[in-house]
Amino acid sequence: EDVRSFCYSLRAWKEVFNETDFKLTDGVDFSKLFKSLSIRKATELVAYGLAREKAPSLEKFAGTHLEADEYHKAMQDPETV
């Protein structure tokens, strides 16, 4: 509930967040929830600590982008990682 409130607060704070599709999922078992959430500015989303040429290839290891409705459907599948 706190994360949902945070998302609504972002929308109230800056209009740009009205177009953001926050992917929230209700009813997740307590053991599968994040223990904490931190939000901070970063120069890269995943810090490998490797030089650019040694970092894993995004073309080879990238995940599949899902639209909001596809994401919510995928979260219903117990095999979703």
PDB file of N, CA and C in Angstrom:
ATOM      1  N   GLU A   1       0.819  -1.192   0.000  1.00  0.00           N
ATOM      2  CA  GLU A   1       0.000   0.000   0.000  1.00  0.00           C
ATOM      3  C   GLU A   1       0.869   1.264   0.000  1.00  0.00           C
ATOM      4  N   ASP A   2       2.015   1.200   0.657  1.00  0.00           N
ATOM      5  CA  ASP A   2       2.905   2.364   0.679  1.00  0.00           C
ATOM      6  C   ASP A   2       3.448   2.684  -0.711  1.00  0.00           C
ATOM      7  N   VAL A   3       3.765   1.658  -1.482  1.00  0.00           N
ATOM      8  CA  VAL A   3       4.294   1.875  -2.835  1.00  0.00           C
ATOM      9  C   VAL A   3       3.207   2.490  -3.716  1.00  0.00           C
ATOM     10  N   ARG A   4       1.998   2.005  -3.577  1.00  0.00           N
ATOM     11  CA  ARG A   4       0.885   2.554  -4.368  1.00  0.00           C
ATOM     12  C   ARG A   4       0.685   4.037  -4.026  1.00  0.00           C
ATOM     13  N   SER A   5       0.748   4.376  -2.750  1.00  0.00           N
ATOM     14  CA  SER A   5       0.623   5.773  -2.322  1.00  0.00           C
ATOM     15  C   SER A   5       1.756   6.620  -2.890  1.00  0.00           C
ATOM     16  N   PHE A   6       2.961   6.053  -2.903  1.00  0.00           N
ATOM     17  CA  PHE A   6       4.113   6.753  -3.468  1.00  0.00           C
ATOM     18  C   PHE A   6       3.876   7.055  -4.947  1.00  0.00           C
ATOM     19  N   CYS A   7       3.345   6.088  -5.687  1.00  0.00           N
ATOM     20  CA  CYS A   7       3.073   6.285  -7.116  1.00  0.00           C
ATOM     21  C   CYS A   7       2.053   7.396  -7.325  1.00  0.00           C
ATOM     22  N   TYR A   8       0.989   7.403  -6.512  1.00  0.00           N
ATOM     23  CA  TYR A   8      -0.013   8.464  -6.618  1.00  0.00           C
ATOM     24  C   TYR A   8       0.593   9.819  -6.268  1.00  0.00           C
ATOM     25  N   SER A   9       1.492   9.836  -5.299  1.00  0.00           N
ATOM     26  CA  SER A   9       2.147  11.087  -4.911  1.00  0.00           C
ATOM     27  C   SER A   9       3.022  11.622  -6.037  1.00  0.00           C
ATOM     28  N   LEU A  10       3.691  10.724  -6.753  1.00  0.00           N
ATOM     29  CA  LEU A  10       4.503  11.154  -7.897  1.00  0.00           C
ATOM     30  C   LEU A  10       3.617  11.827  -8.945  1.00  0.00           C
ATOM     31  N   ARG A  11       2.455  11.246  -9.197  1.00  0.00           N
ATOM     32  CA  ARG A  11       1.534  11.822 -10.186  1.00  0.00           C
ATOM     33  C   ARG A  11       1.041  13.200  -9.747  1.00  0.00           C
ATOM     34  N   ALA A  12       0.813  13.365  -8.454  1.00  0.00           N
ATOM     35  CA  ALA A  12       0.369  14.663  -7.940  1.00  0.00           C
ATOM     36  C   ALA A  12       1.497  15.693  -7.995  1.00  0.00           C
ATOM     37  N   TRP A  13       2.735  15.226  -7.874  1.00  0.00           N
ATOM     38  CA  TRP A  13       3.899  16.107  -7.830  1.00  0.00           C
ATOM     39  C   TRP A  13       4.277  16.631  -9.205  1.00  0.00           C
ATOM     40  N   LYS A  14       4.366  15.728 -10.208  1.00  0.00           N
ATOM     41  CA  LYS A  14       4.785  16.115 -11.561  1.00  0.00           C
ATOM     42  C   LYS A  14       3.860  15.469 -12.591  1.00  0.00           C
ATOM     43  N   GLU A  15       3.383  16.273 -13.503  1.00  0.00           N
ATOM     44  CA  GLU A  15       2.444  15.803 -14.517  1.00  0.00           C
ATOM     45  C   GLU A  15       3.013  14.673 -15.380  1.00  0.00           C
ATOM     46  N   VAL A  16       4.322  14.660 -15.583  1.00  0.00           N
ATOM     47  CA  VAL A  16       4.929  13.633 -16.428  1.00  0.00           C
ATOM     48  C   VAL A  16       4.621  12.216 -15.908  1.00  0.00           C
ATOM     49  N   PHE A  17       4.402  12.072 -14.600  1.00  0.00           N
ATOM     50  CA  PHE A  17       4.127  10.751 -14.038  1.00  0.00           C
ATOM     51  C   PHE A  17       2.705  10.272 -14.310  1.00  0.00           C
ATOM     52  N   ASN A  18       1.839  11.149 -14.829  1.00  0.00           N
ATOM     53  CA  ASN A  18       0.485  10.719 -15.195  1.00  0.00           C
ATOM     54  C   ASN A  18       0.514   9.719 -16.343  1.00  0.00           C
ATOM     55  N   GLU A  19       1.572   9.764 -17.143  1.00  0.00           N
ATOM     56  CA  GLU A  19       1.701   8.837 -18.273  1.00  0.00           C
ATOM     57  C   GLU A  19       2.494   7.592 -17.904  1.00  0.00           C
ATOM     58  N   THR A  20       3.001   7.528 -16.683  1.00  0.00           N
ATOM     59  CA  THR A  20       3.789   6.382 -16.245  1.00  0.00           C
ATOM     60  C   THR A  20       2.861   5.244 -15.846  1.00  0.00           C
ATOM     61  N   ASP A  21       3.108   4.063 -16.402  1.00  0.00           N
ATOM     62  CA  ASP A  21       2.327   2.888 -16.032  1.00  0.00           C
ATOM     63  C   ASP A  21       3.096   2.153 -14.937  1.00  0.00           C
ATOM     64  N   PHE A  22       2.751   2.422 -13.703  1.00  0.00           N
ATOM     65  CA  PHE A  22       3.385   1.738 -12.588  1.00  0.00           C
ATOM     66  C   PHE A  22       2.863   0.310 -12.556  1.00  0.00           C
ATOM     67  N   LYS A  23       3.769  -0.649 -12.553  1.00  0.00           N
ATOM     68  CA  LYS A  23       3.387  -2.057 -12.589  1.00  0.00           C
ATOM     69  C   LYS A  23       3.298  -2.592 -11.164  1.00  0.00           C
ATOM     70  N   LEU A  24       2.098  -2.530 -10.613  1.00  0.00           N
ATOM     71  CA  LEU A  24       1.838  -2.973  -9.251  1.00  0.00           C
ATOM     72  C   LEU A  24       1.054  -4.278  -9.303  1.00  0.00           C
ATOM     73  N   THR A  25       1.346  -5.169  -8.405  1.00  0.00           N
ATOM     74  CA  THR A  25       0.669  -6.454  -8.365  1.00  0.00           C
ATOM     75  C   THR A  25       0.153  -6.688  -6.952  1.00  0.00           C
ATOM     76  N   ASP A  26      -1.132  -6.931  -6.825  1.00  0.00           N
ATOM     77  CA  ASP A  26      -1.747  -7.206  -5.524  1.00  0.00           C
ATOM     78  C   ASP A  26      -1.785  -8.711  -5.277  1.00  0.00           C
ATOM     79  N   GLY A  27      -1.849  -9.082  -4.024  1.00  0.00           N
ATOM     80  CA  GLY A  27      -2.028 -10.483  -3.657  1.00  0.00           C
ATOM     81  C   GLY A  27      -0.779 -11.332  -3.739  1.00  0.00           C
ATOM     82  N   VAL A  28       0.397 -10.722  -3.780  1.00  0.00           N
ATOM     83  CA  VAL A  28       1.643 -11.493  -3.837  1.00  0.00           C
ATOM     84  C   VAL A  28       1.927 -12.051  -2.446  1.00  0.00           C
ATOM     85  N   ASP A  29       2.311 -13.317  -2.381  1.00  0.00           N
ATOM     86  CA  ASP A  29       2.636 -13.941  -1.108  1.00  0.00           C
ATOM     87  C   ASP A  29       3.728 -13.150  -0.387  1.00  0.00           C
ATOM     88  N   PHE A  30       3.573 -12.983   0.915  1.00  0.00           N
ATOM     89  CA  PHE A  30       4.496 -12.179   1.715  1.00  0.00           C
ATOM     90  C   PHE A  30       5.951 -12.604   1.524  1.00  0.00           C
ATOM     91  N   SER A  31       6.197 -13.899   1.362  1.00  0.00           N
ATOM     92  CA  SER A  31       7.573 -14.397   1.219  1.00  0.00           C
ATOM     93  C   SER A  31       8.218 -13.973  -0.099  1.00  0.00           C
ATOM     94  N   LYS A  32       7.420 -13.505  -1.057  1.00  0.00           N
ATOM     95  CA  LYS A  32       7.949 -13.108  -2.370  1.00  0.00           C
ATOM     96  C   LYS A  32       8.052 -11.597  -2.539  1.00  0.00           C
ATOM     97  N   LEU A  33       7.680 -10.841  -1.507  1.00  0.00           N
ATOM     98  CA  LEU A  33       7.743  -9.386  -1.601  1.00  0.00           C
ATOM     99  C   LEU A  33       9.165  -8.884  -1.417  1.00  0.00           C
ATOM    100  N   PHE A  34       9.452  -7.699  -1.959  1.00  0.00           N
ATOM    101  CA  PHE A  34      10.728  -7.054  -1.700  1.00  0.00           C
ATOM    102  C   PHE A  34      10.824  -6.743  -0.214  1.00  0.00           C
ATOM    103  N   LYS A  35      11.992  -6.942   0.362  1.00  0.00           N
ATOM    104  CA  LYS A  35      12.186  -6.624   1.773  1.00  0.00           C
ATOM    105  C   LYS A  35      12.285  -5.116   1.972  1.00  0.00           C
ATOM    106  N   SER A  36      12.788  -4.405   0.971  1.00  0.00           N
ATOM    107  CA  SER A  36      12.875  -2.952   1.041  1.00  0.00           C
ATOM    108  C   SER A  36      12.916  -2.399  -0.379  1.00  0.00           C
ATOM    109  N   LEU A  37      12.726  -1.094  -0.490  1.00  0.00           N
ATOM    110  CA  LEU A  37      12.754  -0.422  -1.784  1.00  0.00           C
ATOM    111  C   LEU A  37      13.536   0.868  -1.640  1.00  0.00           C
ATOM    112  N   SER A  38      14.511   1.052  -2.511  1.00  0.00           N
ATOM    113  CA  SER A  38      15.286   2.289  -2.537  1.00  0.00           C
ATOM    114  C   SER A  38      15.187   2.880  -3.929  1.00  0.00           C
ATOM    115  N   ILE A  39      15.015   4.180  -3.987  1.00  0.00           N
ATOM    116  CA  ILE A  39      14.961   4.874  -5.268  1.00  0.00           C
ATOM    117  C   ILE A  39      16.017   5.956  -5.242  1.00  0.00           C
ATOM    118  N   ARG A  40      16.919   5.900  -6.215  1.00  0.00           N
ATOM    119  CA  ARG A  40      17.973   6.903  -6.286  1.00  0.00           C
ATOM    120  C   ARG A  40      18.414   7.071  -7.741  1.00  0.00           C
ATOM    121  N   LYS A  41      18.979   8.204  -8.013  1.00  0.00           N
ATOM    122  CA  LYS A  41      19.480   8.501  -9.352  1.00  0.00           C
ATOM    123  C   LYS A  41      20.721   7.652  -9.615  1.00  0.00           C
ATOM    124  N   ALA A  42      20.794   7.101 -10.819  1.00  0.00           N
ATOM    125  CA  ALA A  42      21.942   6.275 -11.183  1.00  0.00           C
ATOM    126  C   ALA A  42      22.318   6.546 -12.634  1.00  0.00           C
ATOM    127  N   THR A  43      23.591   6.376 -12.958  1.00  0.00           N
ATOM    128  CA  THR A  43      24.029   6.564 -14.341  1.00  0.00           C
ATOM    129  C   THR A  43      23.760   5.331 -15.181  1.00  0.00           C
ATOM    130  N   GLU A  44      23.615   4.176 -14.536  1.00  0.00           N
ATOM    131  CA  GLU A  44      23.246   2.957 -15.250  1.00  0.00           C
ATOM    132  C   GLU A  44      22.333   2.139 -14.351  1.00  0.00           C
ATOM    133  N   LEU A  45      21.413   1.370 -14.948  1.00  0.00           N
ATOM    134  CA  LEU A  45      20.455   0.618 -14.156  1.00  0.00           C
ATOM    135  C   LEU A  45      21.079  -0.590 -13.468  1.00  0.00           C
ATOM    136  N   VAL A  46      21.984  -1.249 -14.152  1.00  0.00           N
ATOM    137  CA  VAL A  46      22.648  -2.411 -13.573  1.00  0.00           C
ATOM    138  C   VAL A  46      24.138  -2.118 -13.546  1.00  0.00           C
ATOM    139  N   ALA A  47      24.697  -2.058 -12.362  1.00  0.00           N
ATOM    140  CA  ALA A  47      26.129  -1.777 -12.235  1.00  0.00           C
ATOM    141  C   ALA A  47      26.882  -3.095 -12.139  1.00  0.00           C
ATOM    142  N   TYR A  48      27.525  -3.476 -13.211  1.00  0.00           N
ATOM    143  CA  TYR A  48      28.289  -4.724 -13.226  1.00  0.00           C
ATOM    144  C   TYR A  48      29.668  -4.546 -12.612  1.00  0.00           C
ATOM    145  N   GLY A  49      30.133  -3.307 -12.542  1.00  0.00           N
ATOM    146  CA  GLY A  49      31.475  -3.076 -12.042  1.00  0.00           C
ATOM    147  C   GLY A  49      32.527  -3.511 -13.048  1.00  0.00           C
ATOM    148  N   LEU A  50      32.119  -3.613 -14.300  1.00  0.00           N
ATOM    149  CA  LEU A  50      33.025  -4.043 -15.371  1.00  0.00           C
ATOM    150  C   LEU A  50      33.168  -2.920 -16.388  1.00  0.00           C
ATOM    151  N   ALA A  51      34.297  -2.911 -17.056  1.00  0.00           N
ATOM    152  CA  ALA A  51      34.466  -1.972 -18.165  1.00  0.00           C
ATOM    153  C   ALA A  51      33.411  -2.291 -19.222  1.00  0.00           C
ATOM    154  N   ARG A  52      32.999  -1.279 -19.963  1.00  0.00           N
ATOM    155  CA  ARG A  52      31.928  -1.448 -20.957  1.00  0.00           C
ATOM    156  C   ARG A  52      32.148  -2.663 -21.865  1.00  0.00           C
ATOM    157  N   GLU A  53      33.359  -2.847 -22.320  1.00  0.00           N
ATOM    158  CA  GLU A  53      33.619  -3.959 -23.250  1.00  0.00           C
ATOM    159  C   GLU A  53      33.538  -5.326 -22.576  1.00  0.00           C
ATOM    160  N   LYS A  54      33.594  -5.374 -21.246  1.00  0.00           N
ATOM    161  CA  LYS A  54      33.509  -6.650 -20.530  1.00  0.00           C
ATOM    162  C   LYS A  54      32.114  -6.922 -19.962  1.00  0.00           C
ATOM    163  N   ALA A  55      31.232  -5.933 -20.007  1.00  0.00           N
ATOM    164  CA  ALA A  55      29.878  -6.105 -19.473  1.00  0.00           C
ATOM    165  C   ALA A  55      29.091  -7.067 -20.358  1.00  0.00           C
ATOM    166  N   PRO A  56      28.143  -7.805 -19.776  1.00  0.00           N
ATOM    167  CA  PRO A  56      27.332  -8.730 -20.588  1.00  0.00           C
ATOM    168  C   PRO A  56      26.577  -8.001 -21.694  1.00  0.00           C
ATOM    169  N   SER A  57      26.443  -8.638 -22.821  1.00  0.00           N
ATOM    170  CA  SER A  57      25.764  -8.066 -23.978  1.00  0.00           C
ATOM    171  C   SER A  57      24.262  -7.950 -23.733  1.00  0.00           C
ATOM    172  N   LEU A  58      23.711  -6.743 -23.914  1.00  0.00           N
ATOM    173  CA  LEU A  58      22.270  -6.570 -23.784  1.00  0.00           C
ATOM    174  C   LEU A  58      21.529  -7.276 -24.914  1.00  0.00           C
ATOM    175  N   GLU A  59      22.147  -7.347 -26.089  1.00  0.00           N
ATOM    176  CA  GLU A  59      21.499  -8.040 -27.204  1.00  0.00           C
ATOM    177  C   GLU A  59      21.331  -9.521 -26.896  1.00  0.00           C
ATOM    178  N   LYS A  60      22.306 -10.099 -26.210  1.00  0.00           N
ATOM    179  CA  LYS A  60      22.270 -11.535 -25.911  1.00  0.00           C
ATOM    180  C   LYS A  60      21.472 -11.841 -24.641  1.00  0.00           C
ATOM    181  N   PHE A  61      21.543 -10.969 -23.634  1.00  0.00           N
ATOM    182  CA  PHE A  61      20.968 -11.283 -22.328  1.00  0.00           C
ATOM    183  C   PHE A  61      19.786 -10.412 -21.913  1.00  0.00           C
ATOM    184  N   ALA A  62      19.271  -9.587 -22.803  1.00  0.00           N
ATOM    185  CA  ALA A  62      18.163  -8.699 -22.451  1.00  0.00           C
ATOM    186  C   ALA A  62      16.890  -9.496 -22.188  1.00  0.00           C
ATOM    187  N   GLY A  63      16.063  -8.979 -21.286  1.00  0.00           N
ATOM    188  CA  GLY A  63      14.767  -9.594 -21.020  1.00  0.00           C
ATOM    189  C   GLY A  63      13.765  -9.188 -22.086  1.00  0.00           C
ATOM    190  N   THR A  64      12.555  -9.626 -21.919  1.00  0.00           N
ATOM    191  CA  THR A  64      11.486  -9.306 -22.857  1.00  0.00           C
ATOM    192  C   THR A  64      10.658  -8.162 -22.297  1.00  0.00           C
ATOM    193  N   HIS A  65      10.502  -7.089 -23.084  1.00  0.00           N
ATOM    194  CA  HIS A  65       9.667  -5.970 -22.647  1.00  0.00           C
ATOM    195  C   HIS A  65       8.209  -6.392 -22.712  1.00  0.00           C
ATOM    196  N   LEU A  66       7.467  -6.104 -21.654  1.00  0.00           N
ATOM    197  CA  LEU A  66       6.041  -6.409 -21.619  1.00  0.00           C
ATOM    198  C   LEU A  66       5.250  -5.124 -21.422  1.00  0.00           C
ATOM    199  N   GLU A  67       4.165  -4.995 -22.158  1.00  0.00           N
ATOM    200  CA  GLU A  67       3.226  -3.906 -21.912  1.00  0.00           C
ATOM    201  C   GLU A  67       2.520  -4.217 -20.599  1.00  0.00           C
ATOM    202  N   ALA A  68       1.865  -3.221 -20.027  1.00  0.00           N
ATOM    203  CA  ALA A  68       1.263  -3.382 -18.696  1.00  0.00           C
ATOM    204  C   ALA A  68       0.316  -4.576 -18.621  1.00  0.00           C
ATOM    205  N   ASP A  69      -0.569  -4.733 -19.609  1.00  0.00           N
ATOM    206  CA  ASP A  69      -1.520  -5.845 -19.556  1.00  0.00           C
ATOM    207  C   ASP A  69      -0.819  -7.195 -19.671  1.00  0.00           C
ATOM    208  N   GLU A  70       0.244  -7.256 -20.486  1.00  0.00           N
ATOM    209  CA  GLU A  70       1.020  -8.490 -20.606  1.00  0.00           C
ATOM    210  C   GLU A  70       1.755  -8.802 -19.303  1.00  0.00           C
ATOM    211  N   TYR A  71       2.270  -7.758 -18.662  1.00  0.00           N
ATOM    212  CA  TYR A  71       2.971  -7.925 -17.383  1.00  0.00           C
ATOM    213  C   TYR A  71       2.033  -8.508 -16.330  1.00  0.00           C
ATOM    214  N   HIS A  72       0.852  -7.916 -16.201  1.00  0.00           N
ATOM    215  CA  HIS A  72      -0.098  -8.393 -15.199  1.00  0.00           C
ATOM    216  C   HIS A  72      -0.520  -9.829 -15.475  1.00  0.00           C
ATOM    217  N   LYS A  73      -0.675 -10.178 -16.747  1.00  0.00           N
ATOM    218  CA  LYS A  73      -1.022 -11.561 -17.101  1.00  0.00           C
ATOM    219  C   LYS A  73       0.139 -12.497 -16.749  1.00  0.00           C
ATOM    220  N   ALA A  74       1.369 -12.082 -17.057  1.00  0.00           N
ATOM    221  CA  ALA A  74       2.543 -12.910 -16.761  1.00  0.00           C
ATOM    222  C   ALA A  74       2.698 -13.135 -15.260  1.00  0.00           C
ATOM    223  N   MET A  75       2.340 -12.134 -14.451  1.00  0.00           N
ATOM    224  CA  MET A  75       2.482 -12.258 -13.003  1.00  0.00           C
ATOM    225  C   MET A  75       1.501 -13.266 -12.408  1.00  0.00           C
ATOM    226  N   GLN A  76       0.500 -13.648 -13.161  1.00  0.00           N
ATOM    227  CA  GLN A  76      -0.437 -14.667 -12.706  1.00  0.00           C
ATOM    228  C   GLN A  76       0.127 -16.085 -12.878  1.00  0.00           C
ATOM    229  N   ASP A  77       1.159 -16.212 -13.713  1.00  0.00           N
ATOM    230  CA  ASP A  77       1.792 -17.501 -13.989  1.00  0.00           C
ATOM    231  C   ASP A  77       2.823 -17.806 -12.895  1.00  0.00           C
ATOM    232  N   PRO A  78       2.653 -18.898 -12.150  1.00  0.00           N
ATOM    233  CA  PRO A  78       3.598 -19.217 -11.075  1.00  0.00           C
ATOM    234  C   PRO A  78       5.020 -19.498 -11.573  1.00  0.00           C
ATOM    235  N   GLU A  79       5.175 -19.725 -12.879  1.00  0.00           N
ATOM    236  CA  GLU A  79       6.504 -20.003 -13.449  1.00  0.00           C
ATOM    237  C   GLU A  79       7.224 -18.734 -13.900  1.00  0.00           C
ATOM    238  N   THR A  80       6.577 -17.579 -13.776  1.00  0.00           N
ATOM    239  CA  THR A  80       7.204 -16.322 -14.174  1.00  0.00           C
ATOM    240  C   THR A  80       8.357 -15.999 -13.246  1.00  0.00           C
ATOM    241  N   VAL A  81       9.485 -15.611 -13.835  1.00  0.00           N
ATOM    242  CA  VAL A  81      10.668 -15.251 -13.052  1.00  0.00           C
ATOM    243  C   VAL A  81      10.776 -13.753 -12.990  1.00  0.00           C
TER     244      VAL A  81
END
